[in-house]
Protein backbone atom coordinates (compact mmCIF):
# COMPACT_ATOMS: atom_id res chain seq x y z
CA UNK A 1 -7.52 -64.41 59.95
CA UNK A 2 -9.55 -64.56 63.12
CA UNK A 3 -12.60 -66.75 63.65
CA UNK A 4 -14.89 -63.68 63.67
CA UNK A 5 -13.45 -62.51 60.33
CA UNK A 6 -14.04 -65.96 58.80
CA UNK A 7 -17.68 -65.85 59.94
CA UNK A 8 -18.10 -62.37 58.39
CA UNK A 9 -16.61 -63.61 55.11
CA UNK A 10 -18.76 -66.72 55.11
CA UNK A 11 -21.94 -64.76 55.83
CA UNK A 12 -21.07 -62.24 53.11
CA UNK A 13 -20.47 -64.92 50.48
CA UNK A 14 -23.57 -66.86 51.60
CA UNK A 15 -25.69 -63.71 51.30
CA UNK A 16 -24.45 -63.11 47.74
CA UNK A 17 -25.16 -66.74 46.86
CA UNK A 18 -28.72 -66.59 48.26
CA UNK A 19 -29.40 -63.33 46.42
CA UNK A 20 -28.19 -64.69 43.10
CA UNK A 21 -30.11 -67.94 43.61
CA UNK A 22 -33.35 -66.10 44.46
CA UNK A 23 -33.14 -63.78 41.44
CA UNK A 24 -32.28 -66.68 39.15
CA UNK A 25 -35.33 -68.62 40.35
CA UNK A 26 -37.52 -65.57 39.71
CA UNK A 27 -35.93 -65.08 36.28
CA UNK A 28 -36.47 -68.76 35.47
CA UNK A 29 -40.19 -68.44 36.23
CA UNK A 30 -40.47 -65.32 34.07
CA UNK A 31 -38.60 -66.96 31.19
CA UNK A 32 -40.95 -69.96 31.47
CA UNK A 33 -43.92 -67.59 31.16
CA UNK A 34 -42.39 -65.98 28.07
CA UNK A 35 -41.67 -69.40 26.53
CA UNK A 36 -45.21 -70.64 27.20
CA UNK A 37 -46.64 -67.46 25.77
CA UNK A 38 -44.59 -67.77 22.57
CA UNK A 39 -45.55 -71.44 22.17
CA UNK A 40 -49.22 -70.53 22.72
CA UNK A 41 -49.04 -67.71 20.19
CA UNK A 42 -47.64 -70.10 17.60
CA UNK A 43 -49.50 -73.35 18.29
CA UNK A 44 -52.84 -72.06 19.51
CA UNK A 45 -53.13 -68.81 17.55
CA UNK A 46 -51.06 -68.73 14.34
CA UNK A 47 -51.63 -72.38 13.41
CA UNK A 48 -55.34 -72.02 14.22
CA UNK A 49 -55.54 -68.85 12.16
CA UNK A 50 -54.19 -70.85 9.22
CA UNK A 51 -56.83 -73.54 9.83
CA UNK A 52 -59.54 -70.88 9.89
CA UNK A 53 -58.21 -69.50 6.61
CA UNK A 54 -58.37 -72.97 5.03
CA UNK A 55 -61.94 -73.44 6.28
CA UNK A 56 -62.83 -70.04 4.81
CA UNK A 57 -61.38 -71.04 1.43
CA UNK A 58 -63.38 -74.27 1.40
CA UNK A 59 -66.54 -72.46 2.46
CA UNK A 60 -65.96 -70.02 -0.38
CA UNK A 61 -65.71 -72.93 -2.86
CA UNK A 62 -69.04 -74.28 -1.62
CA UNK A 63 -70.59 -70.83 -1.87
CA UNK A 64 -69.32 -70.39 -5.42
CA UNK A 65 -70.73 -73.81 -6.40
CA UNK A 66 -74.09 -72.87 -4.89
CA UNK A 67 -74.22 -69.51 -6.70
CA UNK A 68 -73.32 -71.08 -10.05
CA UNK A 69 -75.57 -74.13 -9.42
CA UNK A 70 -72.59 -76.40 -10.13
CA UNK A 71 -74.10 -79.89 -9.68
CA UNK A 72 -70.79 -81.57 -10.63
CA UNK A 73 -69.15 -79.94 -7.62
CA UNK A 74 -71.59 -81.59 -5.19
CA UNK A 75 -71.12 -84.98 -6.87
CA UNK A 76 -67.29 -84.96 -6.69
CA UNK A 77 -65.04 -82.25 -5.24
CA UNK A 78 -67.43 -81.44 -2.40
CA UNK A 79 -66.82 -84.89 -0.85
CA UNK A 80 -63.05 -84.28 -0.79
CA UNK A 81 -63.60 -80.82 0.69
CA UNK A 82 -65.77 -82.30 3.44
CA UNK A 83 -63.01 -84.81 4.24
CA UNK A 84 -60.47 -81.97 4.44
CA UNK A 85 -62.83 -80.04 6.70
CA UNK A 86 -63.02 -83.06 9.03
CA UNK A 87 -59.22 -83.17 9.22
CA UNK A 88 -59.04 -79.44 9.96
CA UNK A 89 -61.71 -79.77 12.67
CA UNK A 90 -59.65 -82.54 14.31
CA UNK A 91 -56.50 -80.41 14.18
CA UNK A 92 -58.38 -77.45 15.63
CA UNK A 93 -59.65 -79.55 18.53
CA UNK A 94 -56.06 -80.42 19.55
CA UNK A 95 -55.34 -76.76 20.32
CA UNK A 96 -56.08 -74.97 23.57
CA UNK A 97 -59.44 -73.21 23.28
CA UNK A 98 -60.74 -70.32 25.35
CA UNK A 99 -64.31 -70.52 26.63
CA UNK A 100 -65.60 -68.10 24.02
CA UNK A 101 -63.63 -69.84 21.29
CA UNK A 102 -65.00 -73.23 22.34
CA UNK A 103 -68.55 -71.90 22.16
CA UNK A 104 -68.04 -70.30 18.73
CA UNK A 105 -66.24 -73.39 17.44
CA UNK A 106 -69.16 -75.54 18.63
CA UNK A 107 -71.56 -73.33 16.65
CA UNK A 108 -69.30 -73.65 13.61
CA UNK A 109 -69.32 -77.45 13.89
CA UNK A 110 -73.12 -77.48 14.17
CA UNK A 111 -73.44 -75.24 11.11
CA UNK A 112 -71.04 -77.43 9.12
CA UNK A 113 -73.06 -80.53 9.98
CA UNK A 114 -76.29 -78.78 8.98
CA UNK A 115 -74.66 -77.70 5.71
CA UNK A 116 -73.69 -81.30 4.92
CA UNK A 117 -77.25 -82.46 5.44
CA UNK A 118 -78.38 -79.90 2.86
CA UNK A 119 -75.75 -81.07 0.36
CA UNK A 120 -77.17 -84.58 -0.06
CA UNK A 121 -77.36 -85.13 -2.95
CA UNK A 122 -77.14 -81.38 -3.59
CA UNK A 123 -78.71 -78.26 -2.07
CA UNK A 124 -82.36 -78.01 -3.01
CA UNK A 125 -83.20 -74.93 -0.94
CA UNK A 126 -80.62 -72.43 -2.17
CA UNK A 127 -81.80 -69.72 0.22
CA UNK A 128 -81.38 -71.91 3.33
CA UNK A 129 -78.03 -73.23 2.03
CA UNK A 130 -76.66 -69.71 1.52
CA UNK A 131 -77.92 -68.67 4.94
CA UNK A 132 -76.06 -71.61 6.51
CA UNK A 133 -72.93 -70.62 4.58
CA UNK A 134 -73.36 -67.07 5.91
CA UNK A 135 -73.55 -68.44 9.49
CA UNK A 136 -70.36 -70.41 8.90
CA UNK A 137 -68.58 -67.35 7.56
CA UNK A 138 -69.73 -65.33 10.60
CA UNK A 139 -68.39 -68.00 12.95
CA UNK A 140 -65.08 -68.12 11.08
CA UNK A 141 -64.84 -64.34 11.27
CA UNK A 142 -65.51 -64.44 15.03
CA UNK A 143 -62.87 -67.15 15.48
CA UNK A 144 -60.36 -64.97 13.62
CA UNK A 145 -61.09 -62.05 15.95
CA UNK A 146 -60.64 -64.36 18.94
CA UNK A 147 -57.21 -65.42 17.63
CA UNK A 148 -56.13 -61.79 17.36
CA UNK A 149 -57.43 -60.95 20.82
CA UNK A 150 -55.81 -63.97 22.43
CA UNK A 151 -52.56 -63.33 20.55
CA UNK A 152 -52.53 -59.80 22.00
CA UNK A 153 -53.19 -61.22 25.49
CA UNK A 154 -50.26 -63.62 25.15
CA UNK A 155 -48.01 -60.81 23.93
CA UNK A 156 -49.03 -58.75 26.98
CA UNK A 157 -48.11 -61.68 29.24
CA UNK A 158 -44.71 -61.92 27.53
CA UNK A 159 -44.05 -58.21 27.84
CA UNK A 160 -45.02 -58.25 31.52
CA UNK A 161 -42.69 -61.20 32.21
CA UNK A 162 -39.85 -59.45 30.36
CA UNK A 163 -40.44 -56.29 32.43
CA UNK A 164 -40.16 -58.39 35.60
CA UNK A 165 -36.91 -59.93 34.36
CA UNK A 166 -35.49 -56.48 33.64
CA UNK A 167 -36.65 -55.14 37.02
CA UNK A 168 -35.15 -58.04 38.98
CA UNK A 169 -31.94 -57.79 36.98
CA UNK A 170 -31.63 -54.12 38.00
CA UNK A 171 -32.46 -54.94 41.61
CA UNK A 172 -29.89 -57.74 41.55
CA UNK A 173 -27.21 -55.38 40.25
CA UNK A 174 -28.00 -52.74 42.89
CA UNK A 175 -28.03 -55.33 45.67
CA UNK A 176 -24.74 -56.82 44.48
CA UNK A 177 -23.15 -53.37 44.48
CA UNK A 178 -24.56 -52.68 47.95
CA UNK A 179 -23.36 -56.04 49.23
CA UNK A 180 -19.92 -55.57 47.71
CA UNK A 181 -19.62 -52.25 49.51
CA UNK A 182 -20.97 -53.77 52.74
CA UNK A 183 -18.52 -56.69 52.53
CA UNK A 184 -15.66 -54.27 51.93
CA UNK A 185 -16.68 -52.23 54.96
CA UNK A 186 -16.93 -55.39 57.09
CA UNK A 187 -13.53 -56.62 55.94
CA UNK A 188 -11.73 -53.30 56.18
CA UNK A 189 -13.36 -52.16 59.39
CA UNK A 190 -11.39 -53.11 62.43
CA UNK A 191 -12.74 -52.05 65.78
CA UNK A 192 -10.43 -49.73 67.74
CA UNK A 193 -8.98 -51.21 70.81
CA UNK A 194 -9.72 -49.39 74.01
CA UNK A 195 -6.73 -47.64 75.39
CA UNK A 196 -5.59 -48.96 78.75
CA UNK A 197 -5.67 -46.55 81.56
CA UNK A 198 -2.93 -47.30 84.12
C-alpha cells in the first residue's frame, strides 16, 4: 500500500468519523429538547393541572358552605382547607410559570387572601363573598387554559425536535452511502500510467 493510498484511506475514515460525530451531536441536542419538553409537560403542566383541580374542589366546598350558610364549616373544616390551599400555593410556586400564568396566579393569590379576610369569623356579606369566589373560579379556569396551551406548545417543540432527528438521520444515511461509494472509487481507481514513447 503506497503512502498516497494510506492518506486516501485515512481521510476517508476521518471524514466518516467527523460526519457521524456531527450528526450525533445534533441528535443529542434534539433529544435533550424532547426530554426537557416531556419533563416540562409533566412537572409544569400535568402536576399543576392537578393542583388547580384541588384548588377548584376546595373553592367549591367554600361556595357550598356559603350557599347553605354552614357556620360550622367556617369554624372547623375551613381552617384545614385554608392550610391545604397554602400547601398547594407553595407547590405551585415551585413550578416554572409563564408570564401570563404568573400574572393570573398573582391575581388568584390576591383573591384567596381577600376571601380569607371575609371568612373571619364567617362571611357576613354573602354577595361580596360569592363574588370573590367567582373571581377565584375565573382565575382557576384561566390557569387551566394556560396549562393546555403551554402543554400544546411543549408538544410542538417535541415534534419539531423529533422531525429534526429524523431529517438528520436520513441525511446521515445518504451521506454515508455517498461516502462509501466515494471511498470505493478512491480505493479502486488507479491512475493510468502514461505510455513511454521511445
